[in-house]
Amino acid sequence: MLADTPELSIVVPVFNEEGNVLPLLDEIEAALKDVVRYEIVFVDDGSTDDSPAELEAAAGKSDMVRVLRHDRRAGKSAALVTGFEAARAAWVQTLDGDRQNDPRDVARIWAAIQPIPETLGLVAGQRRRRNDGAVKWLSSRTANLIRRSMLNDATADSGCGFKLIRREAALRMPYFDGMHRSIPALVRRSGFEIRQEAIDDRPRMAGV
């Protein structure tokens, strides 16, 4: 049975992350044990590899896991919206399915913001060091600069997949393709404050 009244919903969008699902589950459970009441919502965005089988195994392994599935690939923004709507907690933590985000940062930041100010809507991760190729690093850095100048969202790393967001704020955001890259600006638009926290960015563990 799922934990009663979770305080935190971990939402993980997954697309072809074979080899990452079960290790990520183990890491989340180890990091959050005795820290917070949580649930994990995996959203499979139409994976074509063995990710669905691994997600089924994860649900069988842990009572905290729910798995939702898109029949066809809809994109990361759509997967996040599906997770936001399904979340049962007042706060939602997003993690990328490639394990580049470290669940230990979730525990550290959750403890650091207690008690949570009513004005806080988002804690945005800021990667200390990118573990991507040069082309991806440059394109991401350029996109962040453009977004920051256009949207004035005061966020250094808008594209980072690590975000702790008040579910109320998440549900107010309009949906559009690529919305996940503009979450800080959309949260500010709703009248909430944003906090930035440095996080680790790890090399991809499996897949491409």
Protein backbone atom coordinates (compact mmCIF):
# COMPACT_ATOMS: atom_id res chain seq x y z
CA MET A 1 0.00 0.00 0.00
CA LEU A 2 1.21 3.51 -0.79
CA ALA A 3 2.31 5.69 2.11
CA ASP A 4 -0.57 7.64 3.63
CA THR A 5 -0.57 11.38 2.93
CA PRO A 6 2.91 11.70 1.37
CA GLU A 7 4.67 14.97 1.96
CA LEU A 8 6.64 14.70 -1.26
CA SER A 9 5.89 13.20 -4.68
CA ILE A 10 8.95 12.24 -6.72
CA VAL A 11 8.05 12.53 -10.42
CA VAL A 12 10.40 10.80 -12.85
CA PRO A 13 9.76 11.07 -16.61
CA VAL A 14 11.19 8.05 -18.41
CA PHE A 15 11.90 7.48 -22.09
CA ASN A 16 14.08 4.49 -23.01
CA GLU A 17 15.97 4.39 -19.72
CA GLU A 18 16.62 0.65 -19.64
CA GLY A 19 19.20 -0.08 -16.97
CA ASN A 20 18.49 3.07 -14.96
CA VAL A 21 15.04 2.48 -13.47
CA LEU A 22 15.76 -0.02 -10.69
CA PRO A 23 19.07 1.52 -9.58
CA LEU A 24 17.35 4.93 -9.39
CA LEU A 25 14.59 3.43 -7.25
CA ASP A 26 17.19 1.98 -4.88
CA GLU A 27 18.96 5.35 -4.63
CA ILE A 28 15.75 7.25 -3.90
CA GLU A 29 14.75 4.81 -1.18
CA ALA A 30 18.19 4.93 0.43
CA ALA A 31 18.35 8.75 0.34
CA LEU A 32 14.85 9.46 1.65
CA LYS A 33 14.50 6.77 4.31
CA ASP A 34 13.47 8.43 7.58
CA VAL A 35 13.70 11.88 5.91
CA VAL A 36 10.23 12.46 4.44
CA ARG A 37 7.03 10.56 3.63
CA TYR A 38 7.15 10.16 -0.12
CA GLU A 39 5.78 8.44 -3.20
CA ILE A 40 7.46 7.88 -6.56
CA VAL A 41 5.52 8.49 -9.77
CA PHE A 42 7.29 7.16 -12.85
CA VAL A 43 5.83 8.42 -16.12
CA ASP A 44 6.81 6.26 -19.08
CA ASP A 45 6.65 8.46 -22.17
CA GLY A 46 6.11 5.66 -24.68
CA SER A 47 9.43 3.82 -24.21
CA THR A 48 10.32 1.28 -26.88
CA ASP A 49 13.06 -0.57 -24.97
CA ASP A 50 12.78 -2.68 -21.78
CA SER A 51 11.91 0.31 -19.59
CA PRO A 52 8.24 -0.79 -19.23
CA ALA A 53 9.34 -4.16 -17.87
CA GLU A 54 11.74 -2.48 -15.45
CA LEU A 55 9.03 -0.08 -14.33
CA GLU A 56 6.68 -3.00 -13.70
CA ALA A 57 9.42 -4.63 -11.64
CA ALA A 58 9.90 -1.38 -9.70
CA ALA A 59 6.19 -1.24 -8.87
CA GLY A 60 6.36 -4.83 -7.68
CA LYS A 61 9.41 -4.12 -5.57
CA SER A 62 8.24 -1.00 -3.74
CA ASP A 63 4.87 0.07 -2.32
CA MET A 64 5.87 3.68 -2.89
CA VAL A 65 5.91 3.34 -6.67
CA ARG A 66 3.18 4.17 -9.16
CA VAL A 67 3.71 3.84 -12.90
CA LEU A 68 1.82 5.85 -15.53
CA ARG A 69 2.31 5.34 -19.24
CA HIS A 70 1.75 7.36 -22.40
CA ASP A 71 0.72 5.19 -25.33
CA ARG A 72 3.01 7.17 -27.59
CA ARG A 73 5.86 9.57 -26.99
CA ALA A 74 4.55 13.02 -26.07
CA GLY A 75 7.69 14.72 -24.76
CA LYS A 76 9.15 15.61 -21.38
CA SER A 77 6.77 18.50 -20.71
CA ALA A 78 3.75 16.26 -21.22
CA ALA A 79 5.27 13.58 -18.99
CA LEU A 80 5.83 16.11 -16.22
CA VAL A 81 2.26 17.42 -16.48
CA THR A 82 0.97 13.85 -16.19
CA GLY A 83 3.08 13.45 -13.06
CA PHE A 84 2.00 16.78 -11.57
CA GLU A 85 -1.66 15.87 -12.00
CA ALA A 86 -1.19 12.41 -10.49
CA ALA A 87 0.93 13.57 -7.52
CA ARG A 88 -0.71 13.23 -4.11
CA ALA A 89 1.67 15.42 -2.13
CA ALA A 90 1.72 19.20 -1.77
CA TRP A 91 5.29 19.28 -3.08
CA VAL A 92 6.68 17.60 -6.18
CA GLN A 93 10.33 16.77 -6.83
CA THR A 94 11.28 16.14 -10.45
CA LEU A 95 14.24 13.92 -11.27
CA ASP A 96 15.54 12.90 -14.67
CA GLY A 97 15.33 9.19 -15.41
CA ASP A 98 18.97 8.98 -16.55
CA ARG A 99 20.27 9.11 -12.93
CA GLN A 100 22.33 12.23 -13.55
CA ASN A 101 20.43 13.86 -10.68
CA ASP A 102 21.53 12.60 -7.25
CA PRO A 103 18.64 11.69 -4.89
CA ARG A 104 20.86 12.63 -1.94
CA ASP A 105 20.41 16.24 -3.06
CA VAL A 106 16.66 15.76 -2.62
CA ALA A 107 17.09 14.81 1.04
CA ARG A 108 19.57 17.63 1.69
CA ILE A 109 17.43 20.35 0.12
CA TRP A 110 14.18 19.12 1.69
CA ALA A 111 15.79 19.38 5.13
CA ALA A 112 17.30 22.79 4.31
CA ILE A 113 13.98 24.48 3.47
CA GLN A 114 12.09 23.38 6.58
CA PRO A 115 9.84 24.99 7.65
CA ILE A 116 8.76 25.84 4.13
CA PRO A 117 7.85 29.53 3.63
CA GLU A 118 4.35 30.05 2.26
CA THR A 119 5.80 32.32 -0.42
CA LEU A 120 8.18 29.68 -1.81
CA GLY A 121 7.04 28.04 -5.03
CA LEU A 122 10.16 26.46 -6.48
CA VAL A 123 13.63 25.29 -5.57
CA ALA A 124 15.55 25.09 -8.85
CA GLY A 125 18.65 22.96 -9.11
CA GLN A 126 21.79 24.58 -10.48
CA ARG A 127 24.33 22.06 -11.70
CA ARG A 128 27.83 22.58 -10.32
CA ARG A 129 29.39 20.88 -13.31
CA ARG A 130 27.76 19.49 -16.43
CA ASN A 131 28.54 15.90 -17.36
CA ASP A 132 27.46 16.21 -21.00
CA GLY A 133 29.31 16.49 -24.26
CA ALA A 134 30.66 19.82 -25.49
CA VAL A 135 27.85 20.36 -28.02
CA LYS A 136 25.10 19.72 -25.48
CA TRP A 137 26.87 21.88 -22.88
CA LEU A 138 27.21 24.80 -25.30
CA SER A 139 23.65 24.56 -26.60
CA SER A 140 22.25 24.37 -23.06
CA ARG A 141 24.36 27.31 -21.87
CA THR A 142 23.26 29.40 -24.85
CA ALA A 143 19.60 28.50 -24.30
CA ASN A 144 19.83 29.40 -20.61
CA LEU A 145 21.29 32.82 -21.46
CA ILE A 146 18.55 33.53 -23.99
CA ARG A 147 15.76 32.39 -21.66
CA ARG A 148 17.16 34.40 -18.75
CA SER A 149 17.38 37.58 -20.84
CA MET A 150 13.91 37.18 -22.35
CA LEU A 151 11.98 35.89 -19.34
CA ASN A 152 13.89 37.59 -16.51
CA ASP A 153 13.40 34.47 -14.39
CA ALA A 154 16.59 35.08 -12.35
CA THR A 155 17.50 31.40 -12.73
CA ALA A 156 20.97 30.39 -13.86
CA ASP A 157 20.10 26.86 -14.99
CA SER A 158 16.47 26.83 -16.14
CA GLY A 159 16.95 23.63 -18.13
CA CYS A 160 18.06 21.55 -15.14
CA GLY A 161 15.70 18.60 -14.58
CA PHE A 162 16.04 18.82 -10.80
CA LYS A 163 13.19 20.94 -9.46
CA LEU A 164 11.25 20.96 -6.21
CA ILE A 165 7.95 22.64 -6.95
CA ARG A 166 4.83 23.41 -4.99
CA ARG A 167 2.10 21.31 -6.65
CA GLU A 168 -0.32 24.23 -6.50
CA ALA A 169 2.11 26.25 -8.62
CA ALA A 170 2.71 23.33 -10.99
CA LEU A 171 -0.99 22.94 -11.68
CA ARG A 172 -1.34 26.64 -12.50
CA MET A 173 1.23 26.48 -15.30
CA PRO A 174 -0.03 26.53 -18.88
CA TYR A 175 1.02 23.52 -20.93
CA PHE A 176 3.00 23.90 -24.13
CA ASP A 177 5.73 21.85 -25.76
CA GLY A 178 9.01 22.71 -24.06
CA MET A 179 7.21 24.10 -21.02
CA HIS A 180 9.64 22.27 -18.70
CA ARG A 181 12.42 24.67 -19.73
CA SER A 182 10.39 27.69 -18.59
CA ILE A 183 9.17 26.43 -15.19
CA PRO A 184 11.00 29.12 -13.13
CA ALA A 185 9.43 31.93 -15.16
CA LEU A 186 5.99 30.31 -14.96
CA VAL A 187 6.26 29.88 -11.18
CA ARG A 188 7.26 33.55 -10.77
CA ARG A 189 4.33 34.48 -13.01
CA SER A 190 2.03 32.83 -10.45
CA GLY A 191 3.39 35.05 -7.71
CA PHE A 192 5.68 32.58 -5.93
CA GLU A 193 9.31 33.04 -4.98
CA ILE A 194 12.18 30.96 -6.39
CA ARG A 195 15.21 29.62 -4.62
CA GLN A 196 18.29 28.14 -6.30
CA GLU A 197 20.40 25.34 -4.87
CA ALA A 198 23.65 23.90 -6.21
CA ILE A 199 23.37 20.20 -7.03
CA ASP A 200 25.61 17.48 -8.39
CA ASP A 201 25.33 16.40 -12.00
CA ARG A 202 26.56 12.85 -12.50
CA PRO A 203 27.64 11.04 -15.64
CA ARG A 204 24.90 9.00 -17.31
CA MET A 205 24.92 5.52 -15.79
CA ALA A 206 23.29 3.55 -18.62
CA GLY A 207 21.78 4.12 -22.04
CA VAL A 208 22.37 7.08 -24.33
